[in-house]
Protein backbone atom coordinates (compact mmCIF):
# COMPACT_ATOMS: atom_id res chain seq x y z
CA MET A 1 13.47 -35.24 29.64
CA PRO A 2 11.49 -32.85 27.41
CA ASP A 3 9.79 -29.96 29.16
CA ALA A 4 6.12 -30.87 29.77
CA ASN A 5 5.26 -27.16 29.68
CA ALA A 6 6.85 -26.55 26.27
CA ASP A 7 4.64 -25.94 23.24
CA PRO A 8 4.30 -29.07 21.10
CA LEU A 9 5.57 -29.33 17.56
CA ILE A 10 2.38 -29.16 15.48
CA VAL A 11 2.23 -30.70 12.01
CA ALA A 12 -0.88 -30.38 9.83
CA ILE A 13 -1.34 -32.91 7.03
CA SER A 14 -3.88 -33.57 4.31
CA SER A 15 -5.68 -36.90 4.05
CA ARG A 16 -4.07 -37.69 0.67
CA THR A 17 -0.59 -37.45 2.19
CA LEU A 18 -1.51 -39.73 5.10
CA PHE A 19 -3.34 -42.40 3.09
CA ASP A 20 -3.50 -43.66 -0.48
CA LEU A 21 -6.76 -42.11 -1.72
CA GLU A 22 -5.89 -41.99 -5.41
CA ASP A 23 -8.65 -44.35 -6.60
CA SER A 24 -11.36 -42.30 -4.92
CA HIS A 25 -9.71 -39.02 -5.98
CA ALA A 26 -9.71 -40.20 -9.60
CA LEU A 27 -13.41 -41.00 -9.23
CA PHE A 28 -14.02 -37.49 -7.87
CA GLU A 29 -12.16 -35.95 -10.83
CA ALA A 30 -14.13 -38.05 -13.33
CA GLU A 31 -17.64 -38.16 -11.84
CA GLY A 32 -17.87 -35.45 -9.17
CA ILE A 33 -18.60 -35.09 -5.48
CA ASP A 34 -21.75 -37.23 -5.30
CA ALA A 35 -20.04 -40.29 -6.77
CA TYR A 36 -17.05 -39.72 -4.52
CA ALA A 37 -19.21 -39.45 -1.40
CA ALA A 38 -21.13 -42.63 -2.26
CA PHE A 39 -17.87 -44.47 -2.89
CA GLN A 40 -16.46 -43.47 0.52
CA ARG A 41 -19.65 -44.33 2.41
CA GLN A 42 -19.85 -47.76 0.79
CA ARG A 43 -16.25 -48.45 1.80
CA GLU A 44 -16.03 -46.68 5.14
CA ASP A 45 -15.08 -49.95 6.86
CA ASP A 46 -12.41 -50.76 4.25
CA LEU A 47 -9.02 -49.75 5.59
CA LEU A 48 -6.93 -47.30 3.59
CA THR A 49 -3.36 -48.08 2.56
CA PRO A 50 -0.64 -45.86 4.10
CA GLY A 51 0.37 -42.90 1.94
CA ILE A 52 3.58 -40.98 1.36
CA ALA A 53 3.61 -39.20 4.75
CA PHE A 54 2.45 -42.16 6.85
CA PRO A 55 5.94 -43.24 8.07
CA LEU A 56 6.76 -39.62 8.97
CA VAL A 57 3.53 -39.26 10.97
CA ARG A 58 4.10 -42.53 12.80
CA LYS A 59 7.62 -41.47 13.82
CA LEU A 60 6.44 -38.00 14.86
CA LEU A 61 3.75 -39.43 17.12
CA ALA A 62 6.19 -41.98 18.57
CA LEU A 63 8.10 -39.03 20.08
CA ASN A 64 5.21 -38.69 22.55
CA GLU A 65 6.16 -41.93 24.29
CA GLY A 66 6.48 -41.22 28.01
CA SER A 67 4.85 -37.78 27.83
CA PRO A 68 1.50 -37.01 29.50
CA ALA A 69 -1.50 -37.37 27.19
CA GLU A 70 -2.53 -33.81 28.02
CA ALA A 71 0.94 -32.45 27.15
CA PRO A 72 2.21 -34.17 23.99
CA ARG A 73 5.58 -33.23 22.53
CA VAL A 74 4.18 -33.53 19.00
CA GLU A 75 0.66 -33.12 17.64
CA VAL A 76 -0.51 -34.12 14.17
CA ILE A 77 -3.68 -32.48 12.84
CA LEU A 78 -5.70 -33.62 9.84
CA ILE A 79 -6.64 -30.84 7.39
CA SER A 80 -8.96 -32.23 4.71
CA ARG A 81 -11.13 -31.12 1.81
CA ASN A 82 -13.43 -34.04 2.63
CA SER A 83 -16.66 -33.59 4.54
CA ALA A 84 -16.91 -35.06 8.03
CA ASP A 85 -19.29 -37.65 6.54
CA THR A 86 -16.90 -38.89 3.86
CA GLY A 87 -14.01 -38.50 6.31
CA LEU A 88 -15.34 -41.30 8.50
CA ARG A 89 -13.37 -43.84 6.46
CA ILE A 90 -10.21 -41.84 7.10
CA PHE A 91 -10.78 -41.80 10.86
CA ASN A 92 -11.55 -45.52 10.88
CA SER A 93 -8.17 -46.10 9.21
CA ILE A 94 -6.45 -43.74 11.66
CA ALA A 95 -7.92 -45.72 14.58
CA HIS A 96 -6.92 -49.05 13.03
CA HIS A 97 -3.30 -47.95 12.70
CA GLY A 98 -3.25 -46.58 16.26
CA LEU A 99 -2.38 -43.03 15.23
CA ALA A 100 -3.11 -40.56 18.01
CA ILE A 101 -4.66 -37.88 15.78
CA LYS A 102 -7.35 -36.08 17.77
CA ARG A 103 -7.96 -32.81 15.90
CA ALA A 104 -9.18 -32.28 12.36
CA ALA A 105 -10.75 -29.74 10.02
CA PHE A 106 -13.04 -30.98 7.20
CA SER A 107 -13.81 -28.19 4.74
CA ASN A 108 -16.18 -30.12 2.40
CA GLY A 109 -14.48 -28.98 -0.80
CA ALA A 110 -13.56 -25.45 0.29
CA PRO A 111 -9.91 -24.46 0.64
CA PRO A 112 -8.89 -25.65 4.13
CA PHE A 113 -5.73 -23.56 4.55
CA PRO A 114 -7.44 -20.81 6.66
CA TYR A 115 -7.60 -23.29 9.55
CA ILE A 116 -3.86 -23.94 9.61
CA ARG A 117 -2.92 -20.77 11.48
CA PRO A 118 -5.60 -21.09 14.22
CA PHE A 119 -4.21 -24.57 14.95
CA ASN A 120 -0.75 -22.94 15.38
CA ALA A 121 0.76 -25.40 12.91
CA ASP A 122 4.54 -25.30 12.47
CA LEU A 123 4.34 -27.29 9.21
CA PHE A 124 1.67 -28.11 6.62
CA LEU A 125 1.96 -31.00 4.15
CA SER A 126 -0.52 -31.43 1.30
CA THR A 127 -0.89 -32.77 -2.23
CA HIS A 128 -2.78 -29.59 -3.16
CA ALA A 129 -0.27 -27.02 -4.43
CA GLU A 130 -2.66 -24.07 -4.11
CA ASP A 131 -3.25 -24.77 -0.41
CA VAL A 132 0.50 -25.05 0.13
CA GLY A 133 1.11 -21.72 -1.58
CA LYS A 134 -1.54 -19.99 0.54
CA ALA A 135 -0.05 -21.46 3.72
CA LEU A 136 3.39 -20.14 2.77
CA GLU A 137 1.91 -16.71 2.11
CA ALA A 138 0.43 -16.85 5.63
CA GLY A 139 3.86 -17.52 7.11
CA VAL A 140 3.52 -21.27 7.72
CA ALA A 141 6.20 -23.69 6.50
CA ALA A 142 4.51 -25.81 3.86
CA ALA A 143 5.36 -28.28 1.11
CA THR A 144 3.62 -30.17 -1.68
CA LEU A 145 3.98 -33.95 -1.70
CA LEU A 146 3.06 -36.03 -4.72
CA PRO A 147 0.78 -38.86 -3.57
CA ALA A 148 2.46 -42.26 -3.45
CA ARG A 149 2.63 -45.42 -1.39
CA ALA A 150 4.53 -45.14 1.87
CA PRO A 151 8.28 -45.65 1.30
CA GLN A 152 10.29 -48.15 3.33
CA HIS A 153 12.94 -46.86 5.73
CA ARG A 154 15.87 -48.44 7.50
CA PHE A 155 16.02 -46.26 10.59
CA ASP A 156 13.93 -46.04 13.73
CA GLN A 157 15.01 -42.41 14.10
CA LEU A 158 12.96 -39.59 12.63
CA ARG A 159 15.23 -38.25 9.88
CA ILE A 160 14.47 -34.90 8.23
CA ALA A 161 16.57 -33.27 5.50
CA PHE A 162 16.45 -29.68 4.30
CA ASP A 163 17.74 -27.75 1.35
CA GLY A 164 19.31 -24.44 2.37
CA ASP A 165 18.59 -21.54 0.01
CA ALA A 166 14.88 -20.60 -0.31
CA VAL A 167 13.96 -23.19 2.35
CA ILE A 168 15.87 -22.69 5.62
CA PHE A 169 17.41 -19.45 4.32
CA ASP A 170 15.98 -16.81 1.99
CA ASP A 171 16.68 -16.97 -1.75
CA GLU A 172 19.37 -14.27 -1.80
CA GLY A 173 22.03 -16.69 -3.02
CA GLU A 174 19.85 -18.12 -5.78
CA ARG A 175 18.99 -14.63 -7.01
CA VAL A 176 22.68 -13.70 -7.23
CA SER A 177 23.49 -16.97 -9.00
CA ARG A 178 20.74 -16.52 -11.59
CA GLU A 179 21.67 -12.91 -12.25
CA GLY A 180 25.47 -13.22 -12.31
CA GLY A 181 26.35 -16.91 -12.56
CA LEU A 182 28.29 -19.22 -10.25
CA ALA A 183 31.39 -17.01 -10.12
CA ALA A 184 29.31 -14.04 -8.92
CA PHE A 185 27.59 -16.27 -6.37
CA ALA A 186 30.91 -17.58 -5.01
CA GLU A 187 32.30 -14.04 -4.65
CA HIS A 188 29.05 -12.80 -3.08
CA GLU A 189 29.16 -15.53 -0.43
CA ARG A 190 32.89 -15.19 0.18
CA SER A 191 32.63 -11.45 0.79
CA ARG A 192 29.69 -11.93 3.16
CA ALA A 193 30.91 -15.03 4.99
CA GLY A 194 30.51 -13.35 8.37
CA GLU A 195 27.07 -11.88 7.62
CA PRO A 196 24.20 -14.18 8.66
CA LEU A 197 21.71 -15.15 5.98
CA SER A 198 18.09 -14.13 6.43
CA GLY A 199 15.61 -16.83 7.37
CA GLY A 200 13.51 -18.58 4.75
CA PRO A 201 10.02 -20.10 4.98
CA PHE A 202 11.21 -23.07 7.06
CA ARG A 203 13.15 -21.05 9.64
CA GLY A 204 10.27 -21.23 12.15
CA PHE A 205 9.74 -24.97 11.67
CA LEU A 206 13.48 -25.56 12.03
CA ASP A 207 13.44 -23.60 15.31
CA ALA A 208 10.51 -25.67 16.63
CA LEU A 209 12.13 -28.93 15.54
CA HIS A 210 15.43 -27.91 17.14
CA ARG A 211 13.70 -27.17 20.46
CA LEU A 212 12.14 -30.61 20.38
CA GLN A 213 15.40 -32.27 19.37
CA ALA A 214 17.38 -30.45 22.05
CA ALA A 215 15.10 -31.90 24.73
CA PHE A 216 16.45 -35.40 24.02
CA PRO A 217 20.00 -36.65 24.66
CA PRO A 218 22.29 -35.65 21.77
CA GLY A 219 24.16 -38.06 19.54
CA LEU A 220 23.32 -41.14 17.53
CA ASP A 221 20.84 -42.37 20.15
CA SER A 222 18.62 -39.28 19.76
CA PRO A 223 15.21 -40.13 18.25
CA ILE A 224 15.58 -37.21 15.79
CA ARG A 225 18.35 -36.64 13.26
CA THR A 226 18.54 -33.73 10.82
CA ALA A 227 20.59 -32.91 7.75
CA LEU A 228 21.31 -29.97 5.47
CA VAL A 229 21.57 -31.19 1.87
CA THR A 230 22.62 -28.29 -0.34
CA ALA A 231 24.02 -27.69 -3.81
CA ARG A 232 26.49 -25.24 -2.25
CA SER A 233 30.19 -26.11 -2.17
CA VAL A 234 33.36 -24.55 -0.76
CA PRO A 235 33.73 -21.57 -0.23
CA ALA A 236 29.96 -20.95 0.01
CA HIS A 237 29.76 -23.35 2.97
CA GLU A 238 31.17 -20.90 5.51
CA ARG A 239 28.26 -18.46 5.52
CA VAL A 240 25.80 -21.32 6.05
CA ILE A 241 27.77 -22.67 9.01
CA ARG A 242 28.13 -19.25 10.61
CA THR A 243 24.43 -18.49 10.08
CA LEU A 244 23.31 -21.68 11.86
CA ARG A 245 25.79 -20.90 14.64
CA ASP A 246 24.35 -17.39 14.94
CA TRP A 247 20.83 -18.84 15.15
CA GLY A 248 21.85 -21.39 17.76
CA ILE A 249 20.62 -24.23 15.55
CA ARG A 250 22.22 -27.67 15.41
CA LEU A 251 21.95 -29.76 12.26
CA ASP A 252 23.43 -33.22 12.72
CA GLU A 253 24.75 -33.66 9.21
CA ALA A 254 25.65 -31.27 6.40
CA LEU A 255 26.17 -32.33 2.80
CA PHE A 256 27.70 -29.72 0.46
CA LEU A 257 27.19 -31.41 -2.90
CA GLY A 258 28.41 -28.80 -5.37
CA GLY A 259 25.56 -29.52 -7.77
CA ARG A 260 25.60 -33.34 -7.56
CA PRO A 261 22.14 -35.03 -7.74
CA LYS A 262 20.64 -35.11 -4.26
CA GLY A 263 18.58 -38.30 -4.50
CA PRO A 264 21.33 -40.87 -3.80
CA PHE A 265 22.61 -38.85 -0.83
CA LEU A 266 19.11 -38.55 0.62
CA GLU A 267 18.65 -42.29 0.26
CA ALA A 268 21.98 -42.87 2.04
CA PHE A 269 20.89 -40.54 4.86
CA GLY A 270 17.55 -42.37 5.07
CA ALA A 271 15.40 -39.23 5.06
CA ASP A 272 11.79 -39.65 6.12
CA ILE A 273 11.16 -36.38 4.30
CA PHE A 274 13.22 -33.86 2.34
CA PHE A 275 12.29 -30.24 1.62
CA ASP A 276 13.57 -28.35 -1.43
CA ASP A 277 12.41 -25.39 -3.53
CA SER A 278 13.72 -26.92 -6.78
CA GLU A 279 11.42 -29.24 -8.72
CA HIS A 280 14.57 -30.70 -10.32
CA ASN A 281 15.88 -31.77 -6.91
CA ILE A 282 12.48 -33.10 -5.91
CA ALA A 283 12.47 -35.26 -9.06
CA SER A 284 15.92 -36.58 -8.12
CA ALA A 285 14.62 -37.62 -4.69
CA GLN A 286 11.25 -39.08 -5.68
CA GLY A 287 11.05 -42.83 -5.48
CA LEU A 288 13.89 -42.84 -2.95
CA VAL A 289 12.46 -40.71 -0.12
CA ALA A 290 9.37 -38.62 0.53
CA ALA A 291 10.12 -35.24 -1.05
CA GLY A 292 8.23 -32.03 -0.37
CA HIS A 293 8.36 -29.18 -2.90
CA VAL A 294 8.50 -25.74 -1.28
CA PRO A 295 7.14 -23.32 -3.92
CA HIS A 296 9.10 -20.31 -2.70
CA GLY A 297 11.77 -18.01 -4.06
CA ILE A 298 13.03 -17.06 -7.49
CA ALA A 299 13.10 -20.66 -8.74
CA ASN A 300 9.31 -20.76 -8.48
CA ARG A 301 8.50 -17.37 -10.02
CA PRO A 302 7.09 -17.16 -13.55
């Protein structure tokens, strides 16, 4: 059984990733904060439709089954630009859906990212790219999700997929590839196959997720399944495998796609969420799985 004394995995999410708030957000953009606030108050008893991250949150919180209420294995925290007043509709919807979300920060229009670190969040998900960038700068794994209705999934397991370079690992490989081409990248990785890669912005979240995953029985019956989905191919696979071995991290599946579009493979894996630094790969995944853009590394520099 998981260790009741272990630190929980803490995931901070914005209200627009948890619920579909696009109608009211469009009103805010067109008519301002007063119209938005009136709209939310008038409808605070109208339940919100699940958003893009809703299935992920439900599966995360389900991992607390059997754990003491005072020592959850996973905690989800709401980080919102709403005020507490306009946020009442959000909490009514949270209660209706039975989501055990107990902590929240409402910044009333101000950037909410300063509260992410005090909550000790391992991951931050938002539709607001600026907040995501600030969280990454502060050393918190973070990704931007485009708002959408909650996708349907086939698996009861929590399934999380990661890109490698500039997400789990640093962007060393991408920098070499951009500067010297694929042949230079292949030689660079071949000559350094035994040298572990440096960690990227999601190294800490991967560590926390691995600790949680390792507390459950391994194999197909585990409630968590992970995958590496990378554009790398042979021979650039070896350094990745040896790096994860050096870190003591287990990823259940590894897909070395050699540049093939990632979307169909992510759909086949049944990812609840996928993290990638490339907007091209995010576009390939959108509509198939929830895809979080990680604005880090050379691919995201002007």
